Protein backbone atom coordinates (compact mmCIF):
# COMPACT_ATOMS: atom_id res chain seq x y z
CA MET A 1 110.76 218.89 157.17
CA ALA A 2 111.36 219.95 153.60
CA SER A 3 114.64 218.74 152.21
CA ARG A 4 116.57 218.21 148.94
CA GLU A 5 117.18 214.68 150.06
CA ASN A 6 113.78 213.82 148.52
CA LYS A 7 114.35 215.97 145.49
CA ALA A 8 117.37 216.22 143.28
CA SER A 9 119.23 219.51 143.70
CA GLU A 10 117.72 221.94 141.22
CA HIS A 11 119.92 223.26 138.45
CA LYS A 12 119.42 225.92 135.78
CA ILE A 13 121.44 226.74 132.72
CA ILE A 14 121.63 230.37 131.73
CA GLY A 15 123.06 231.22 128.30
CA ILE A 16 124.42 228.90 125.67
CA ARG A 17 127.78 227.15 125.62
CA GLN A 18 129.50 228.05 122.36
CA PRO A 19 131.37 224.99 121.14
CA ASN A 20 134.51 226.81 119.83
CA ARG A 21 134.88 229.11 122.83
CA ASN A 22 137.34 228.79 125.64
CA TYR A 23 135.70 229.70 128.92
CA VAL A 24 137.26 230.67 132.28
CA ASP A 25 135.69 228.64 135.05
CA ARG A 26 134.38 230.52 138.13
CA TYR A 27 132.68 229.03 141.14
CA ALA A 28 130.42 231.24 143.30
CA VAL A 29 127.99 231.21 146.20
CA ARG A 30 124.62 232.98 146.64
CA VAL A 31 123.01 233.40 150.09
CA VAL A 32 119.35 233.71 151.14
CA ALA A 33 120.26 235.50 154.35
CA LEU A 34 117.24 235.46 156.66
CA ASN A 35 116.91 237.73 159.73
CA ASP A 36 114.64 236.96 162.76
CA LEU A 37 111.73 238.80 161.09
CA GLY A 38 111.88 236.43 158.12
CA GLN A 39 113.25 239.05 155.85
CA ILE A 40 116.05 238.57 153.39
CA ALA A 41 118.95 240.87 152.38
CA LEU A 42 118.30 242.17 148.91
CA ILE A 43 121.15 244.06 147.10
CA HIS A 44 120.52 246.86 144.61
CA ALA A 45 123.14 247.72 141.91
CA LYS A 46 122.40 251.28 140.75
CA GLU A 47 124.77 250.86 137.77
CA GLY A 48 122.93 248.27 135.61
CA SER A 49 119.71 248.76 137.59
CA TYR A 50 119.29 245.33 138.94
CA PHE A 51 118.80 243.41 142.28
CA LYS A 52 120.64 240.47 143.56
CA LEU A 53 121.24 238.16 146.54
CA PRO A 54 124.45 238.55 148.44
CA GLY A 55 127.29 236.38 147.10
CA GLY A 56 130.30 236.10 145.03
CA GLY A 57 133.29 234.16 144.00
CA ILE A 58 134.77 231.22 146.05
CA ASP A 59 138.38 231.90 146.69
CA ALA A 60 141.11 229.22 146.33
CA ASN A 61 141.03 226.78 149.23
CA GLU A 62 137.76 228.24 150.60
CA ASP A 63 134.77 225.97 151.28
CA HIS A 64 131.26 227.09 150.30
CA GLN A 65 130.07 228.22 153.79
CA THR A 66 133.23 230.20 154.41
CA ALA A 67 132.83 231.91 151.08
CA ALA A 68 129.20 232.61 151.62
CA ALA A 69 129.74 233.98 155.21
CA ARG A 70 132.59 236.26 153.89
CA GLU A 71 130.53 237.54 150.95
CA VAL A 72 127.55 238.43 153.16
CA GLN A 73 129.83 240.25 155.63
CA GLU A 74 131.53 242.15 152.83
CA GLU A 75 128.35 243.10 150.80
CA ILE A 76 125.90 243.91 153.76
CA GLY A 77 128.00 243.98 156.85
CA ALA A 78 126.03 241.11 158.53
CA ILE A 79 127.34 238.09 160.31
CA VAL A 80 125.57 234.74 159.31
CA SER A 81 125.53 231.25 160.65
CA PHE A 82 124.50 228.19 158.79
CA VAL A 83 121.77 225.98 160.10
CA PRO A 84 122.03 222.39 161.29
CA ALA A 85 121.52 219.68 158.62
CA ASP A 86 117.82 219.42 159.45
CA GLY A 87 117.07 223.10 159.16
CA ASP A 88 115.84 225.69 161.50
CA VAL A 89 112.01 226.03 161.66
CA THR A 90 112.12 228.96 164.17
CA ILE A 91 112.88 231.25 161.19
CA ASN A 92 111.54 229.01 158.40
CA ILE A 93 114.96 227.67 157.05
CA PRO A 94 114.20 224.10 155.80
CA THR A 95 117.63 222.85 154.91
CA ALA A 96 121.37 223.45 155.42
CA GLY A 97 122.13 222.00 152.13
CA CYS A 98 122.49 223.61 148.69
CA ILE A 99 119.13 225.11 147.66
CA ALA A 100 119.89 225.04 143.90
CA THR A 101 122.62 225.70 141.42
CA THR A 102 122.94 227.75 138.24
CA GLU A 103 125.46 227.44 135.46
CA GLU A 104 126.03 230.44 133.28
CA PHE A 105 127.74 230.93 129.94
CA ARG A 106 128.34 234.56 129.64
CA ASN A 107 130.91 235.95 127.15
CA ASP A 108 134.12 234.02 128.09
CA LEU A 109 132.86 233.15 131.58
CA HIS A 110 131.50 229.75 132.67
CA GLN A 111 130.17 230.30 136.18
CA ILE A 112 128.52 227.80 138.52
CA SER A 113 126.65 229.39 141.54
CA TYR A 114 125.61 227.41 144.60
CA CYS A 115 122.79 228.93 146.77
CA TYR A 116 122.33 228.41 150.45
CA PHE A 117 120.20 229.51 153.33
CA ALA A 118 121.91 231.32 156.25
CA LYS A 119 120.59 232.80 159.52
CA VAL A 120 121.58 236.32 160.21
CA VAL A 121 123.01 236.62 163.77
CA ASN A 122 124.41 240.14 163.67
CA THR A 123 123.60 243.30 161.50
CA THR A 124 125.64 245.90 163.33
CA GLY A 125 128.56 245.75 160.90
CA LYS A 126 129.09 247.95 157.83
CA PRO A 127 129.60 246.71 154.31
CA ASN A 128 133.21 246.40 153.03
CA LEU A 129 132.61 246.80 149.32
CA THR A 130 135.21 246.41 146.63
CA GLU A 131 136.06 249.36 144.42
CA ASP A 132 133.88 247.93 141.65
CA GLU A 133 130.98 247.45 144.01
CA ILE A 134 131.24 251.10 145.11
CA VAL A 135 131.27 252.27 141.53
CA ASP A 136 128.25 250.05 140.84
CA GLY A 137 126.40 251.77 143.62
CA LEU A 138 125.58 248.68 145.66
CA SER A 139 123.18 249.16 148.59
CA HIS A 140 120.90 246.67 150.38
CA GLU A 141 117.56 246.51 152.12
CA TRP A 142 115.65 243.84 154.17
CA VAL A 143 112.50 242.64 152.63
CA THR A 144 110.18 239.58 152.53
CA VAL A 145 110.97 236.83 150.03
CA GLU A 146 107.81 237.62 148.30
CA LYS A 147 108.63 241.33 147.98
CA ALA A 148 112.18 240.50 146.96
CA LEU A 149 110.85 238.27 144.05
CA ASP A 150 108.46 241.09 143.06
CA ILE A 151 111.21 243.75 143.11
CA MET A 152 113.62 241.45 141.21
CA SER A 153 111.05 240.43 138.50
CA ALA A 154 109.88 244.04 138.01
CA ALA A 155 113.47 245.38 137.51
CA GLU A 156 114.55 246.39 134.01
CA PRO A 157 118.28 245.80 134.01
CA THR A 158 120.19 248.11 131.70
CA SER A 159 123.25 245.85 131.23
CA GLU A 160 123.81 242.25 130.02
CA LEU A 161 125.37 241.42 133.41
CA GLY A 162 122.18 242.67 135.15
CA CYS A 163 120.01 240.48 132.87
CA TYR A 164 122.02 237.45 133.74
CA ILE A 165 122.04 238.18 137.42
CA GLN A 166 118.26 238.79 137.34
CA GLU A 167 117.54 235.48 135.74
CA ARG A 168 119.95 233.63 138.04
CA ASP A 169 118.87 235.19 141.38
CA THR A 170 115.16 235.16 140.61
CA TYR A 171 115.50 231.47 139.92
CA LEU A 172 117.49 230.75 143.08
CA LEU A 173 115.11 232.75 145.31
CA SER A 174 112.11 231.00 143.74
CA GLU A 175 113.57 227.67 144.63
CA ALA A 176 114.31 228.91 148.19
CA LYS A 177 110.73 230.17 148.57
CA GLU A 178 109.39 226.74 147.36
CA LEU A 179 111.35 225.01 150.08
CA MET A 180 110.27 227.46 152.75
CA GLU A 181 106.64 227.00 151.78
CA ALA A 182 106.99 223.27 152.23
CA ILE A 183 107.58 223.49 155.88
CA PRO A 184 104.32 222.57 157.69
CA LYS A 185 102.84 225.64 159.40
CA ASN A 186 102.79 223.98 162.82
CA GLU A 187 106.58 223.32 162.56
CA ALA A 188 107.34 226.95 161.75
CA ASN A 189 105.62 228.24 164.88
């Protein structure tokens, strides 16, 4: 079974830390939410013309999995569960641990994002978007990991935020894909 126990958790730094700048720290989660068809939720932001994984900030006193489940439910209306420590080969989820992290330096923001796999258990709900997410025109679709990477890579974001998100989520999804491909084919069937 593929696992990060054999490989240090992957980490990418996006942007440059300015030595004389005071940053506001923010911690966030991103989710590769897989349904029974092996598709993931991909969110499109009309404003800024970019695509992203479900996710967002971790609230005070909230653990990563609780934040991730809440963000998925808010952004796409789905309920997710997290897989056992050894993964879930029935839908090609290799690990329950953190897939990878990113660290962003954007304007006065220093954000660390943690990415996880989750299994979608119910898609009958409706998104509960914030006012900003409604203004940004968020919508979602279900696509394969490969198609999501193609869509994300081909996008041409029209905002600085969109460019940061594109780099962050393309990296995180590439790391997830690498782990998924490491599962031996006989285990996945």
